[in-house]
Structures are given as structure tokens and as C-alpha cells.
Amino acid sequence: MTNYLPSIIISSPNQVFCKTNLELLLTSLNLPTDLHHPDIVSIDSLTGWGIDQIRRLKTITQSRPLKADNRIIIIHQAQNLTIQAQNSLLKILEEPPVSNTIVLVTDNLLSLTDTIRSRCQIIKSGNLKKKSKNSIKISSKLSDNLNLTSQVCKDKTTCFDIIKNQIIFFQKQLLTDPNLDTRHKIKLLQKSLSMLNSNVNPTSALDFFFLSI
């Protein structure tokens, strides 16, 4: 299955918070949390944070995952990325590679450029209690859900934002109540985002979610 979660920034000085959210992302992508899987790529102090490492990522994302359906690229201590490296990374984020999720983990969100931040979903300790915007009110009746789709998915951008915010909503639920049903819904929404990125009609992309839950 292709994904797509948006590119993500996990930002907090609390390392437990960062680790917990990273493990939730790995679990939602059916990847192990020990970071030794061949489809988990890490940028850290061992590799360095320079432009050469980011250029290497572009080559990696052009290939299919080795074993899993998805690959996750984790840039630890992303505040150490040079400006040249961030500019190179921006080119990847502008055209998100299918079946690849890029996660930046940092304790200093402002160390990343505005353009990097604008292209990522941001998870930070200060916004966990805030209500997600445009979350979907899921009905027990399929007809009501499909009617909702036709009402809210006026264009690709609006539909993308709604699905993205619903993923954030479910991720917050997982923090307090980890369960397979919520994980399943996140995976379905990832597929809906992938459909949007493939220029599927916005209504059809959200209908897919409702028809599959």
C-alpha cells in the first residue's frame, strides 16, 4: 500500500514526547520501533546534517522501500541542519515522494526555515490539547458520511487540509488510547492523501475512507 502522511516535524524539548510520537508514526506505517529496519533511514550525528546527506536522501526516495510498504526517513536533531541542507530538503518536500514519510525531530522549531515548516505537519507538546481544525464528524450511517464528503470537498486543497487534520486528530487519540481501530483509520486516511497526490478527484479520495472503515 502507498501512503501518504504529510512530512512531519516533531518538536519538543521533552525527549519522551518526541520518542512517543515517533513510535506512533512507525507503528501506523507498520514499521518496527527499534529503528533497525532497512526501510527506516536515519540522519543523525553519525551521518552528519550537511547537504551531501540530504542529496543522498533524494536518491533513496526515488527507489521503492526494500521490505515494507512504506519507508520513513528520520532526521534527528534537525536543528543541526545547515541552511544549504534545509534548502536541498525543501526540494524534496515540495514534491513528496510516494511511499516515503519524512520526519524531522527537533527541540528548536524556529531553527528550521519558514518554508520547511510550512510544508510539514507540526506536532509539538504545546499543541496537543488544542482542538484539531476541520476534523470530520463520522456518522454511523454511510449515506450521511458520503453526503458530508460532497459538502466539504469543494477542491483539492480543502480536502487535503480536512484529511490532514483528521490524521492529527486520530494521532492525538492514539497518545491517550492506543488501539487498532484508530491505527486502521489513520492508514486509510494516508491512502486518501496518496490518492489526492495522484490527482484523484477529492470527493472520491474522501469517499474511499468512508467506504473502507
N, C-alpha and C. Protein backbone atom coordinates (compact mmCIF):
# COMPACT_ATOMS: atom_id res chain seq x y z
N MET A 1 0.84 -1.20 0.00
CA MET A 1 0.00 0.00 0.00
C MET A 1 0.87 1.24 0.00
N THR A 2 0.52 2.23 -0.83
CA THR A 2 1.22 3.51 -0.76
C THR A 2 0.63 4.31 0.39
N ASN A 3 1.40 5.29 0.88
CA ASN A 3 0.85 6.09 1.93
C ASN A 3 0.36 7.39 1.32
N TYR A 4 -0.09 8.47 1.95
CA TYR A 4 0.88 9.44 2.33
C TYR A 4 0.46 10.24 3.53
N LEU A 5 1.27 10.13 4.54
CA LEU A 5 1.26 11.14 5.56
C LEU A 5 2.00 12.35 5.03
N PRO A 6 1.57 13.57 5.44
CA PRO A 6 2.39 14.72 5.09
C PRO A 6 3.75 14.60 5.76
N SER A 7 4.73 15.33 5.29
CA SER A 7 6.01 15.42 6.01
C SER A 7 5.73 16.01 7.38
N ILE A 8 6.51 15.60 8.36
CA ILE A 8 6.16 15.88 9.75
C ILE A 8 7.36 16.46 10.50
N ILE A 9 7.07 17.41 11.38
CA ILE A 9 8.06 17.90 12.34
C ILE A 9 7.55 17.55 13.73
N ILE A 10 8.37 16.86 14.52
CA ILE A 10 8.06 16.62 15.92
C ILE A 10 8.98 17.54 16.72
N SER A 11 8.39 18.45 17.45
CA SER A 11 9.19 19.47 18.13
C SER A 11 8.85 19.55 19.61
N SER A 12 9.85 19.30 20.45
CA SER A 12 9.67 19.44 21.89
C SER A 12 11.03 19.27 22.57
N PRO A 13 11.27 19.98 23.67
CA PRO A 13 12.47 19.72 24.45
C PRO A 13 12.37 18.43 25.25
N ASN A 14 11.15 17.89 25.31
CA ASN A 14 10.88 16.66 26.05
C ASN A 14 11.16 15.46 25.14
N GLN A 15 12.24 14.73 25.40
CA GLN A 15 12.63 13.63 24.54
C GLN A 15 11.63 12.47 24.60
N VAL A 16 10.98 12.29 25.74
CA VAL A 16 9.97 11.24 25.86
C VAL A 16 8.80 11.54 24.92
N PHE A 17 8.40 12.81 24.88
CA PHE A 17 7.33 13.22 23.97
C PHE A 17 7.70 12.92 22.53
N CYS A 18 8.91 13.29 22.14
CA CYS A 18 9.37 13.06 20.77
C CYS A 18 9.42 11.57 20.46
N LYS A 19 9.95 10.78 21.40
CA LYS A 19 10.06 9.35 21.18
C LYS A 19 8.70 8.70 21.05
N THR A 20 7.75 9.10 21.89
CA THR A 20 6.40 8.52 21.86
C THR A 20 5.73 8.79 20.53
N ASN A 21 5.82 10.03 20.05
CA ASN A 21 5.18 10.37 18.79
C ASN A 21 5.86 9.69 17.61
N LEU A 22 7.17 9.55 17.67
CA LEU A 22 7.89 8.86 16.61
C LEU A 22 7.49 7.39 16.57
N GLU A 23 7.36 6.77 17.72
CA GLU A 23 6.95 5.37 17.76
C GLU A 23 5.53 5.18 17.23
N LEU A 24 4.64 6.14 17.49
CA LEU A 24 3.28 6.07 16.96
C LEU A 24 3.29 6.13 15.44
N LEU A 25 4.13 6.99 14.89
CA LEU A 25 4.22 7.09 13.43
C LEU A 25 4.74 5.79 12.83
N LEU A 26 5.77 5.23 13.44
CA LEU A 26 6.33 3.97 12.95
C LEU A 26 5.28 2.87 13.00
N THR A 27 4.53 2.82 14.09
CA THR A 27 3.50 1.80 14.23
C THR A 27 2.42 1.97 13.17
N SER A 28 2.02 3.21 12.91
CA SER A 28 0.97 3.45 11.92
C SER A 28 1.41 3.06 10.52
N LEU A 29 2.73 3.03 10.28
CA LEU A 29 3.27 2.63 8.98
C LEU A 29 3.69 1.15 8.96
N ASN A 30 3.33 0.42 10.01
CA ASN A 30 3.67 -1.00 10.13
C ASN A 30 5.18 -1.23 10.12
N LEU A 31 5.91 -0.32 10.73
CA LEU A 31 7.36 -0.46 10.85
C LEU A 31 7.71 -0.68 12.32
N PRO A 32 8.80 -1.40 12.61
CA PRO A 32 9.19 -1.64 14.00
C PRO A 32 9.68 -0.35 14.64
N THR A 33 9.72 -0.34 15.95
CA THR A 33 10.15 0.87 16.67
C THR A 33 11.60 0.80 17.12
N ASP A 34 12.34 -0.24 16.71
CA ASP A 34 13.73 -0.34 17.15
C ASP A 34 14.70 0.35 16.20
N LEU A 35 14.19 0.91 15.10
CA LEU A 35 14.95 1.72 14.15
C LEU A 35 16.01 0.94 13.35
N HIS A 36 15.98 -0.39 13.40
CA HIS A 36 16.97 -1.18 12.66
C HIS A 36 16.42 -1.77 11.37
N HIS A 37 15.19 -1.47 11.05
CA HIS A 37 14.58 -1.98 9.82
C HIS A 37 15.22 -1.31 8.61
N PRO A 38 15.42 -2.03 7.48
CA PRO A 38 16.06 -1.42 6.31
C PRO A 38 15.27 -0.28 5.68
N ASP A 39 13.98 -0.17 6.01
CA ASP A 39 13.18 0.92 5.47
C ASP A 39 13.03 2.07 6.46
N ILE A 40 13.88 2.08 7.49
CA ILE A 40 13.98 3.22 8.39
C ILE A 40 15.35 3.85 8.18
N VAL A 41 15.36 5.06 7.65
CA VAL A 41 16.61 5.76 7.34
C VAL A 41 16.80 6.90 8.33
N SER A 42 17.96 6.95 8.96
CA SER A 42 18.21 7.98 9.98
C SER A 42 19.31 8.94 9.55
N ILE A 43 19.08 10.21 9.79
CA ILE A 43 20.10 11.24 9.70
C ILE A 43 20.37 11.71 11.12
N ASP A 44 21.61 11.59 11.58
CA ASP A 44 21.92 11.93 12.96
C ASP A 44 23.40 12.30 13.07
N SER A 45 23.93 12.26 14.28
CA SER A 45 25.32 12.66 14.49
C SER A 45 26.30 11.73 13.79
N LEU A 46 25.90 10.49 13.54
CA LEU A 46 26.79 9.55 12.85
C LEU A 46 26.93 9.89 11.37
N THR A 47 25.87 10.42 10.77
CA THR A 47 25.90 10.75 9.34
C THR A 47 26.26 12.21 9.11
N GLY A 48 25.92 13.05 10.07
CA GLY A 48 26.07 14.49 9.86
C GLY A 48 24.80 15.07 9.26
N TRP A 49 24.72 16.41 9.26
CA TRP A 49 23.49 17.07 8.81
C TRP A 49 23.75 17.98 7.60
N GLY A 50 24.75 17.66 6.81
CA GLY A 50 25.12 18.52 5.69
C GLY A 50 24.33 18.25 4.43
N ILE A 51 24.60 19.03 3.42
CA ILE A 51 23.86 18.96 2.17
C ILE A 51 24.07 17.62 1.46
N ASP A 52 25.25 17.01 1.62
CA ASP A 52 25.50 15.73 0.95
C ASP A 52 24.55 14.65 1.45
N GLN A 53 24.24 14.67 2.75
CA GLN A 53 23.31 13.68 3.30
C GLN A 53 21.90 13.87 2.75
N ILE A 54 21.49 15.13 2.60
CA ILE A 54 20.15 15.41 2.07
C ILE A 54 20.08 15.03 0.59
N ARG A 55 21.13 15.27 -0.15
CA ARG A 55 21.15 14.85 -1.55
C ARG A 55 21.04 13.33 -1.65
N ARG A 56 21.67 12.65 -0.71
CA ARG A 56 21.58 11.18 -0.68
C ARG A 56 20.13 10.74 -0.45
N LEU A 57 19.40 11.50 0.37
CA LEU A 57 18.01 11.16 0.62
C LEU A 57 17.18 11.21 -0.66
N LYS A 58 17.47 12.18 -1.51
CA LYS A 58 16.71 12.29 -2.76
C LYS A 58 16.86 11.03 -3.59
N THR A 59 18.08 10.48 -3.63
CA THR A 59 18.31 9.24 -4.36
C THR A 59 17.55 8.08 -3.71
N ILE A 60 17.57 8.03 -2.39
CA ILE A 60 16.90 6.95 -1.67
C ILE A 60 15.39 6.98 -1.92
N THR A 61 14.79 8.16 -1.88
CA THR A 61 13.34 8.26 -2.03
C THR A 61 12.86 7.94 -3.43
N GLN A 62 13.76 7.92 -4.39
CA GLN A 62 13.38 7.58 -5.76
C GLN A 62 13.25 6.07 -5.97
N SER A 63 13.68 5.29 -4.98
CA SER A 63 13.57 3.84 -5.07
C SER A 63 12.42 3.35 -4.19
N ARG A 64 11.96 2.15 -4.44
CA ARG A 64 10.89 1.56 -3.64
C ARG A 64 11.44 1.11 -2.28
N PRO A 65 10.58 1.09 -1.25
CA PRO A 65 11.02 0.52 0.03
C PRO A 65 11.51 -0.91 -0.18
N LEU A 66 12.45 -1.35 0.65
CA LEU A 66 13.07 -2.65 0.46
C LEU A 66 12.18 -3.81 0.91
N LYS A 67 11.53 -3.65 2.06
CA LYS A 67 10.73 -4.76 2.60
C LYS A 67 9.29 -4.36 2.92
N ALA A 68 9.10 -3.17 3.43
CA ALA A 68 7.77 -2.73 3.86
C ALA A 68 7.06 -1.99 2.73
N ASP A 69 5.81 -1.63 2.99
CA ASP A 69 5.06 -0.83 2.02
C ASP A 69 5.48 0.63 2.06
N ASN A 70 6.09 1.01 3.18
CA ASN A 70 6.46 2.42 3.37
C ASN A 70 7.88 2.52 3.90
N ARG A 71 8.50 3.65 3.61
CA ARG A 71 9.81 3.96 4.17
C ARG A 71 9.66 5.24 5.01
N ILE A 72 10.35 5.30 6.13
CA ILE A 72 10.34 6.52 6.92
C ILE A 72 11.77 7.03 7.05
N ILE A 73 11.94 8.31 6.82
CA ILE A 73 13.24 8.97 6.93
C ILE A 73 13.18 9.89 8.14
N ILE A 74 14.04 9.63 9.11
CA ILE A 74 14.02 10.39 10.37
C ILE A 74 15.26 11.26 10.45
N ILE A 75 15.06 12.55 10.54
CA ILE A 75 16.18 13.48 10.73
C ILE A 75 16.18 13.89 12.19
N HIS A 76 17.04 13.22 12.96
CA HIS A 76 17.15 13.52 14.39
C HIS A 76 17.91 14.84 14.59
N GLN A 77 17.56 15.55 15.66
CA GLN A 77 18.22 16.83 15.98
C GLN A 77 18.28 17.72 14.72
N ALA A 78 17.13 17.87 14.11
CA ALA A 78 17.06 18.58 12.83
C ALA A 78 17.50 20.03 12.93
N GLN A 79 17.59 20.57 14.14
CA GLN A 79 18.09 21.94 14.30
C GLN A 79 19.53 22.08 13.84
N ASN A 80 20.21 20.94 13.65
CA ASN A 80 21.61 20.98 13.20
C ASN A 80 21.75 21.01 11.68
N LEU A 81 20.65 20.92 10.96
CA LEU A 81 20.71 21.01 9.50
C LEU A 81 21.25 22.37 9.08
N THR A 82 22.21 22.37 8.18
CA THR A 82 22.71 23.64 7.66
C THR A 82 21.65 24.28 6.77
N ILE A 83 21.78 25.56 6.51
CA ILE A 83 20.83 26.24 5.62
C ILE A 83 20.85 25.61 4.23
N GLN A 84 22.05 25.26 3.76
CA GLN A 84 22.15 24.61 2.44
C GLN A 84 21.41 23.27 2.45
N ALA A 85 21.54 22.52 3.54
CA ALA A 85 20.85 21.24 3.65
C ALA A 85 19.34 21.45 3.71
N GLN A 86 18.88 22.47 4.42
CA GLN A 86 17.45 22.74 4.50
C GLN A 86 16.89 23.13 3.14
N ASN A 87 17.65 23.92 2.39
CA ASN A 87 17.19 24.31 1.05
C ASN A 87 17.11 23.10 0.13
N SER A 88 18.03 22.17 0.29
CA SER A 88 18.00 20.95 -0.51
C SER A 88 16.83 20.06 -0.09
N LEU A 89 16.57 19.99 1.21
CA LEU A 89 15.44 19.21 1.72
C LEU A 89 14.12 19.78 1.23
N LEU A 90 14.04 21.10 1.13
CA LEU A 90 12.81 21.75 0.68
C LEU A 90 12.40 21.24 -0.70
N LYS A 91 13.36 20.98 -1.56
CA LYS A 91 13.05 20.50 -2.90
C LYS A 91 12.38 19.12 -2.85
N ILE A 92 12.75 18.31 -1.86
CA ILE A 92 12.10 17.01 -1.69
C ILE A 92 10.70 17.20 -1.13
N LEU A 93 10.54 18.09 -0.16
CA LEU A 93 9.24 18.31 0.47
C LEU A 93 8.23 18.92 -0.50
N GLU A 94 8.71 19.68 -1.48
CA GLU A 94 7.81 20.33 -2.43
C GLU A 94 7.13 19.30 -3.34
N GLU A 95 7.78 18.17 -3.56
CA GLU A 95 7.19 17.08 -4.35
C GLU A 95 7.33 15.81 -3.53
N PRO A 96 6.45 15.62 -2.54
CA PRO A 96 6.60 14.49 -1.61
C PRO A 96 6.69 13.15 -2.33
N PRO A 97 7.75 12.39 -2.10
CA PRO A 97 7.90 11.10 -2.77
C PRO A 97 6.93 10.06 -2.23
N VAL A 98 6.27 9.35 -3.13
CA VAL A 98 5.29 8.35 -2.74
C VAL A 98 5.96 7.25 -1.92
N SER A 99 5.25 6.75 -0.91
CA SER A 99 5.71 5.66 -0.03
C SER A 99 6.90 6.06 0.84
N ASN A 100 7.13 7.35 1.00
CA ASN A 100 8.19 7.85 1.89
C ASN A 100 7.61 8.91 2.81
N THR A 101 7.85 8.76 4.09
CA THR A 101 7.45 9.78 5.06
C THR A 101 8.71 10.38 5.67
N ILE A 102 8.81 11.69 5.64
CA ILE A 102 9.99 12.38 6.18
C ILE A 102 9.61 13.02 7.51
N VAL A 103 10.38 12.70 8.55
CA VAL A 103 10.10 13.21 9.89
C VAL A 103 11.33 13.95 10.40
N LEU A 104 11.14 15.19 10.81
CA LEU A 104 12.21 15.97 11.43
C LEU A 104 11.93 16.07 12.92
N VAL A 105 12.88 15.67 13.73
CA VAL A 105 12.74 15.73 15.19
C VAL A 105 13.67 16.82 15.70
N THR A 106 13.11 17.78 16.44
CA THR A 106 13.93 18.91 16.88
C THR A 106 13.44 19.45 18.21
N ASP A 107 14.35 20.05 18.97
CA ASP A 107 13.94 20.75 20.19
C ASP A 107 13.88 22.26 19.97
N ASN A 108 14.08 22.68 18.71
CA ASN A 108 14.07 24.11 18.40
C ASN A 108 13.39 24.31 17.04
N LEU A 109 12.08 24.47 17.07
CA LEU A 109 11.30 24.58 15.84
C LEU A 109 11.75 25.76 14.98
N LEU A 110 12.12 26.86 15.63
CA LEU A 110 12.48 28.07 14.89
C LEU A 110 13.83 27.96 14.19
N SER A 111 14.56 26.88 14.47
CA SER A 111 15.83 26.68 13.76
C SER A 111 15.60 26.23 12.32
N LEU A 112 14.38 25.81 12.03
CA LEU A 112 14.03 25.38 10.68
C LEU A 112 13.43 26.56 9.92
N THR A 113 13.69 26.64 8.64
CA THR A 113 13.23 27.78 7.85
C THR A 113 11.70 27.80 7.76
N ASP A 114 11.17 28.98 7.50
CA ASP A 114 9.72 29.12 7.36
C ASP A 114 9.17 28.20 6.28
N THR A 115 9.91 28.07 5.19
CA THR A 115 9.42 27.25 4.08
C THR A 115 9.40 25.77 4.43
N ILE A 116 10.36 25.32 5.23
CA ILE A 116 10.33 23.93 5.71
C ILE A 116 9.10 23.73 6.59
N ARG A 117 8.89 24.64 7.54
CA ARG A 117 7.78 24.49 8.48
C ARG A 117 6.43 24.53 7.77
N SER A 118 6.33 25.33 6.72
CA SER A 118 5.04 25.48 6.04
C SER A 118 4.65 24.23 5.26
N ARG A 119 5.61 23.36 4.99
CA ARG A 119 5.32 22.16 4.20
C ARG A 119 5.24 20.91 5.06
N CYS A 120 5.19 21.08 6.36
CA CYS A 120 5.15 19.93 7.27
C CYS A 120 3.99 20.04 8.25
N GLN A 121 3.47 18.89 8.61
CA GLN A 121 2.58 18.81 9.76
C GLN A 121 3.44 18.94 11.00
N ILE A 122 3.06 19.82 11.92
CA ILE A 122 3.88 20.06 13.11
C ILE A 122 3.19 19.46 14.34
N ILE A 123 3.91 18.60 15.02
CA ILE A 123 3.44 18.02 16.28
C ILE A 123 4.34 18.55 17.37
N LYS A 124 3.79 19.32 18.29
CA LYS A 124 4.61 19.85 19.37
C LYS A 124 3.85 19.76 20.68
N SER A 125 4.58 19.73 21.76
CA SER A 125 3.97 19.48 23.07
C SER A 125 2.95 20.54 23.43
N GLY A 126 3.14 21.75 22.92
CA GLY A 126 2.21 22.82 23.26
C GLY A 126 0.89 22.77 22.56
N ASN A 127 0.77 21.96 21.48
CA ASN A 127 -0.48 21.99 20.72
C ASN A 127 -1.29 20.72 20.86
N LEU A 128 -0.90 19.81 21.76
CA LEU A 128 -1.63 18.56 21.89
C LEU A 128 -3.05 18.77 22.40
N LYS A 129 -3.24 19.79 23.25
CA LYS A 129 -4.55 19.97 23.84
C LYS A 129 -5.47 20.84 22.99
N LYS A 130 -4.91 21.39 21.92
CA LYS A 130 -5.74 22.21 21.05
C LYS A 130 -6.61 21.33 20.17
N LYS A 131 -7.80 21.78 19.92
CA LYS A 131 -8.71 21.03 19.08
C LYS A 131 -8.28 21.13 17.63
N SER A 132 -8.26 19.99 16.94
CA SER A 132 -7.89 19.98 15.53
C SER A 132 -8.97 20.68 14.72
N LYS A 133 -8.53 21.50 13.77
CA LYS A 133 -9.47 22.21 12.91
C LYS A 133 -10.02 21.26 11.84
N ASN A 134 -11.27 21.48 11.47
CA ASN A 134 -11.87 20.76 10.35
C ASN A 134 -11.86 19.25 10.53
N SER A 135 -11.92 18.75 11.77
CA SER A 135 -11.99 17.31 11.94
C SER A 135 -13.35 16.82 11.45
N ILE A 136 -13.39 15.58 10.99
CA ILE A 136 -14.58 15.03 10.36
C ILE A 136 -15.50 14.47 11.43
N LYS A 137 -16.77 14.77 11.34
CA LYS A 137 -17.75 14.15 12.22
C LYS A 137 -18.25 12.89 11.53
N ILE A 138 -17.75 11.74 11.98
CA ILE A 138 -18.06 10.48 11.32
C ILE A 138 -19.38 9.94 11.86
N SER A 139 -20.31 9.67 10.95
CA SER A 139 -21.62 9.14 11.31
C SER A 139 -21.62 7.62 11.22
N SER A 140 -22.55 7.00 11.90
CA SER A 140 -22.73 5.55 11.78
C SER A 140 -23.42 5.18 10.47
N LYS A 141 -24.00 6.17 9.79
CA LYS A 141 -24.70 5.94 8.52
C LYS A 141 -23.79 6.33 7.36
N LEU A 142 -23.55 5.38 6.47
CA LEU A 142 -22.69 5.64 5.31
C LEU A 142 -23.24 6.77 4.46
N SER A 143 -24.55 6.82 4.28
CA SER A 143 -25.15 7.86 3.44
C SER A 143 -24.84 9.25 3.97
N ASP A 144 -24.86 9.39 5.31
CA ASP A 144 -24.55 10.70 5.90
C ASP A 144 -23.09 11.07 5.65
N ASN A 145 -22.22 10.08 5.75
CA ASN A 145 -20.79 10.34 5.52
C ASN A 145 -20.53 10.74 4.08
N LEU A 146 -21.17 10.07 3.14
CA LEU A 146 -20.96 10.40 1.73
C LEU A 146 -21.55 11.77 1.39
N ASN A 147 -22.65 12.11 2.04
CA ASN A 147 -23.22 13.45 1.85
C ASN A 147 -22.26 14.51 2.39
N LEU A 148 -21.61 14.20 3.51
CA LEU A 148 -20.64 15.13 4.08
C LEU A 148 -19.49 15.36 3.11
N THR A 149 -19.04 14.30 2.47
CA THR A 149 -17.95 14.41 1.50
C THR A 149 -18.30 15.41 0.41
N SER A 150 -19.48 15.28 -0.13
CA SER A 150 -19.89 16.17 -1.23
C SER A 150 -20.00 17.62 -0.77
N GLN A 151 -20.25 17.82 0.52
CA GLN A 151 -20.39 19.18 1.05
C GLN A 151 -19.04 19.84 1.33
N VAL A 152 -18.09 19.07 1.86
CA VAL A 152 -16.84 19.69 2.33
C VAL A 152 -15.71 19.64 1.32
N CYS A 153 -15.72 18.68 0.40
CA CYS A 153 -14.60 18.54 -0.54
C CYS A 153 -14.86 19.34 -1.80
N LYS A 154 -14.83 20.65 -1.66
CA LYS A 154 -15.08 21.52 -2.80
C LYS A 154 -13.89 21.57 -3.75
N ASP A 155 -12.69 21.39 -3.21
CA ASP A 155 -11.49 21.42 -4.05
C ASP A 155 -10.41 20.59 -3.37
N LYS A 156 -9.30 20.36 -4.08
CA LYS A 156 -8.23 19.50 -3.59
C LYS A 156 -7.61 20.05 -2.31
N THR A 157 -7.36 21.37 -2.27
CA THR A 157 -6.69 21.97 -1.11
C THR A 157 -7.53 21.81 0.15
N THR A 158 -8.83 22.09 0.05
CA THR A 158 -9.71 21.95 1.21
C THR A 158 -9.78 20.51 1.68
N CYS A 159 -9.91 19.59 0.74
CA CYS A 159 -9.98 18.17 1.10
C CYS A 159 -8.68 17.70 1.74
N PHE A 160 -7.56 18.16 1.19
CA PHE A 160 -6.25 17.79 1.76
C PHE A 160 -6.16 18.25 3.21
N ASP A 161 -6.56 19.50 3.48
CA ASP A 161 -6.48 20.04 4.84
C ASP A 161 -7.39 19.26 5.80
N ILE A 162 -8.58 18.90 5.33
CA ILE A 162 -9.52 18.16 6.17
C ILE A 162 -8.96 16.79 6.53
N ILE A 163 -8.42 16.08 5.54
CA ILE A 163 -7.86 14.75 5.80
C ILE A 163 -6.63 14.85 6.69
N LYS A 164 -5.79 15.83 6.41
CA LYS A 164 -4.57 16.04 7.22
C LYS A 164 -4.94 16.30 8.67
N ASN A 165 -5.93 17.17 8.92
CA ASN A 165 -6.32 17.47 10.29
C ASN A 165 -7.00 16.29 10.97
N GLN A 166 -7.67 15.44 10.17
CA GLN A 166 -8.26 14.25 10.76
C GLN A 166 -7.17 13.27 11.20
N ILE A 167 -6.11 13.19 10.42
CA ILE A 167 -4.97 12.34 10.83
C ILE A 167 -4.40 12.85 12.15
N ILE A 168 -4.22 14.17 12.27
CA ILE A 168 -3.72 14.75 13.52
C ILE A 168 -4.66 14.41 14.68
N PHE A 169 -5.96 14.51 14.45
CA PHE A 169 -6.96 14.20 15.47
C PHE A 169 -6.81 12.76 15.95
N PHE A 170 -6.67 11.82 15.00
CA PHE A 170 -6.54 10.41 15.38
C PHE A 170 -5.19 10.14 16.05
N GLN A 171 -4.15 10.84 15.62
CA GLN A 171 -2.84 10.66 16.27
C GLN A 171 -2.91 11.08 17.74
N LYS A 172 -3.62 12.13 18.02
CA LYS A 172 -3.78 12.57 19.40
C LYS A 172 -4.56 11.53 20.21
N GLN A 173 -5.57 10.91 19.58
CA GLN A 173 -6.30 9.85 20.25
C GLN A 173 -5.39 8.69 20.61
N LEU A 174 -4.49 8.36 19.69
CA LEU A 174 -3.58 7.25 19.93
C LEU A 174 -2.67 7.49 21.13
N LEU A 175 -2.34 8.76 21.38
CA LEU A 175 -1.48 9.08 22.51
C LEU A 175 -2.12 8.69 23.85
N THR A 176 -3.44 8.83 23.93
CA THR A 176 -4.13 8.54 25.19
C THR A 176 -4.82 7.19 25.18
N ASP A 177 -5.13 6.68 23.98
CA ASP A 177 -5.84 5.40 23.89
C ASP A 177 -5.37 4.62 22.66
N PRO A 178 -4.19 4.00 22.72
CA PRO A 178 -3.68 3.23 21.58
C PRO A 178 -4.62 2.07 21.26
N ASN A 179 -5.06 1.97 20.01
CA ASN A 179 -5.93 0.87 19.62
C ASN A 179 -5.85 0.63 18.13
N LEU A 180 -6.20 -0.57 17.70
CA LEU A 180 -6.05 -0.97 16.31
C LEU A 180 -7.03 -0.24 15.40
N ASP A 181 -8.22 0.07 15.91
CA ASP A 181 -9.22 0.74 15.06
C ASP A 181 -8.74 2.12 14.63
N THR A 182 -8.19 2.89 15.56
CA THR A 182 -7.69 4.22 15.22
C THR A 182 -6.50 4.12 14.28
N ARG A 183 -5.61 3.17 14.52
CA ARG A 183 -4.48 2.96 13.61
C ARG A 183 -4.97 2.63 12.21
N HIS A 184 -6.02 1.80 12.12
CA HIS A 184 -6.58 1.44 10.82
C HIS A 184 -7.12 2.68 10.10
N LYS A 185 -7.80 3.54 10.83
CA LYS A 185 -8.36 4.75 10.22
C LYS A 185 -7.25 5.68 9.72
N ILE A 186 -6.15 5.76 10.48
CA ILE A 186 -5.03 6.59 10.04
C ILE A 186 -4.47 6.07 8.72
N LYS A 187 -4.32 4.75 8.62
CA LYS A 187 -3.79 4.16 7.39
C LYS A 187 -4.71 4.42 6.20
N LEU A 188 -6.02 4.36 6.43
CA LEU A 188 -6.97 4.65 5.35
C LEU A 188 -6.87 6.11 4.91
N LEU A 189 -6.71 7.00 5.87
CA LEU A 189 -6.56 8.42 5.54
C LEU A 189 -5.25 8.68 4.82
N GLN A 190 -4.22 7.94 5.18
CA GLN A 190 -2.95 8.04 4.44
C GLN A 190 -3.17 7.68 2.97
N LYS A 191 -3.94 6.63 2.76
CA LYS A 191 -4.25 6.22 1.38
C LYS A 191 -5.04 7.30 0.66
N SER A 192 -5.97 7.93 1.36
CA SER A 192 -6.75 9.02 0.75
C SER A 192 -5.84 10.17 0.33
N LEU A 193 -4.86 10.50 1.17
CA LEU A 193 -3.90 11.56 0.82
C LEU A 193 -3.08 11.15 -0.40
N SER A 194 -2.70 9.89 -0.44
CA SER A 194 -1.95 9.40 -1.60
C SER A 194 -2.78 9.53 -2.87
N MET A 195 -4.07 9.25 -2.77
CA MET A 195 -4.96 9.38 -3.92
C MET A 195 -5.04 10.84 -4.38
N LEU A 196 -5.11 11.75 -3.41
CA LEU A 196 -5.13 13.18 -3.76
C LEU A 196 -3.84 13.58 -4.46
N ASN A 197 -2.71 13.09 -3.95
CA ASN A 197 -1.43 13.41 -4.57
C ASN A 197 -1.32 12.84 -5.97
N SER A 198 -2.12 11.82 -6.27
CA SER A 198 -2.14 11.22 -7.60
C SER A 198 -3.24 11.83 -8.47
N ASN A 199 -3.79 12.97 -7.99
CA ASN A 199 -4.80 13.73 -8.72
C ASN A 199 -6.14 13.00 -8.87
N VAL A 200 -6.44 12.12 -7.91
CA VAL A 200 -7.78 11.54 -7.86
C VAL A 200 -8.75 12.63 -7.44
N ASN A 201 -9.97 12.56 -7.93
CA ASN A 201 -10.99 13.53 -7.55
C ASN A 201 -11.11 13.62 -6.03
N PRO A 202 -11.10 14.85 -5.45
CA PRO A 202 -11.13 14.99 -3.99
C PRO A 202 -12.29 14.25 -3.33
N THR A 203 -13.47 14.33 -3.92
CA THR A 203 -14.62 13.63 -3.35
C THR A 203 -14.39 12.13 -3.30
N SER A 204 -13.81 11.58 -4.36
CA SER A 204 -13.54 10.14 -4.40
C SER A 204 -12.52 9.74 -3.35
N ALA A 205 -11.53 10.61 -3.11
CA ALA A 205 -10.49 10.30 -2.13
C ALA A 205 -11.07 10.18 -0.73
N LEU A 206 -11.96 11.10 -0.34
CA LEU A 206 -12.56 11.03 0.99
C LEU A 206 -13.62 9.94 1.05
N ASP A 207 -14.35 9.73 -0.06
CA ASP A 207 -15.31 8.64 -0.12
C ASP A 207 -14.63 7.29 0.15
N PHE A 208 -13.41 7.15 -0.37
CA PHE A 208 -12.66 5.91 -0.14
C PHE A 208 -12.53 5.62 1.35
N PHE A 209 -12.21 6.65 2.12
CA PHE A 209 -12.09 6.48 3.59
C PHE A 209 -13.39 5.99 4.18
N PHE A 210 -14.49 6.66 3.85
CA PHE A 210 -15.78 6.31 4.46
C PHE A 210 -16.25 4.92 4.02
N LEU A 211 -15.95 4.55 2.79
CA LEU A 211 -16.38 3.24 2.29
C LEU A 211 -15.54 2.11 2.87
N SER A 212 -14.35 2.45 3.42
CA SER A 212 -13.41 1.42 3.88
C SER A 212 -13.43 1.21 5.39
N ILE A 213 -14.00 2.15 6.14
CA ILE A 213 -13.98 1.99 7.61
C ILE A 213 -15.06 1.01 8.05
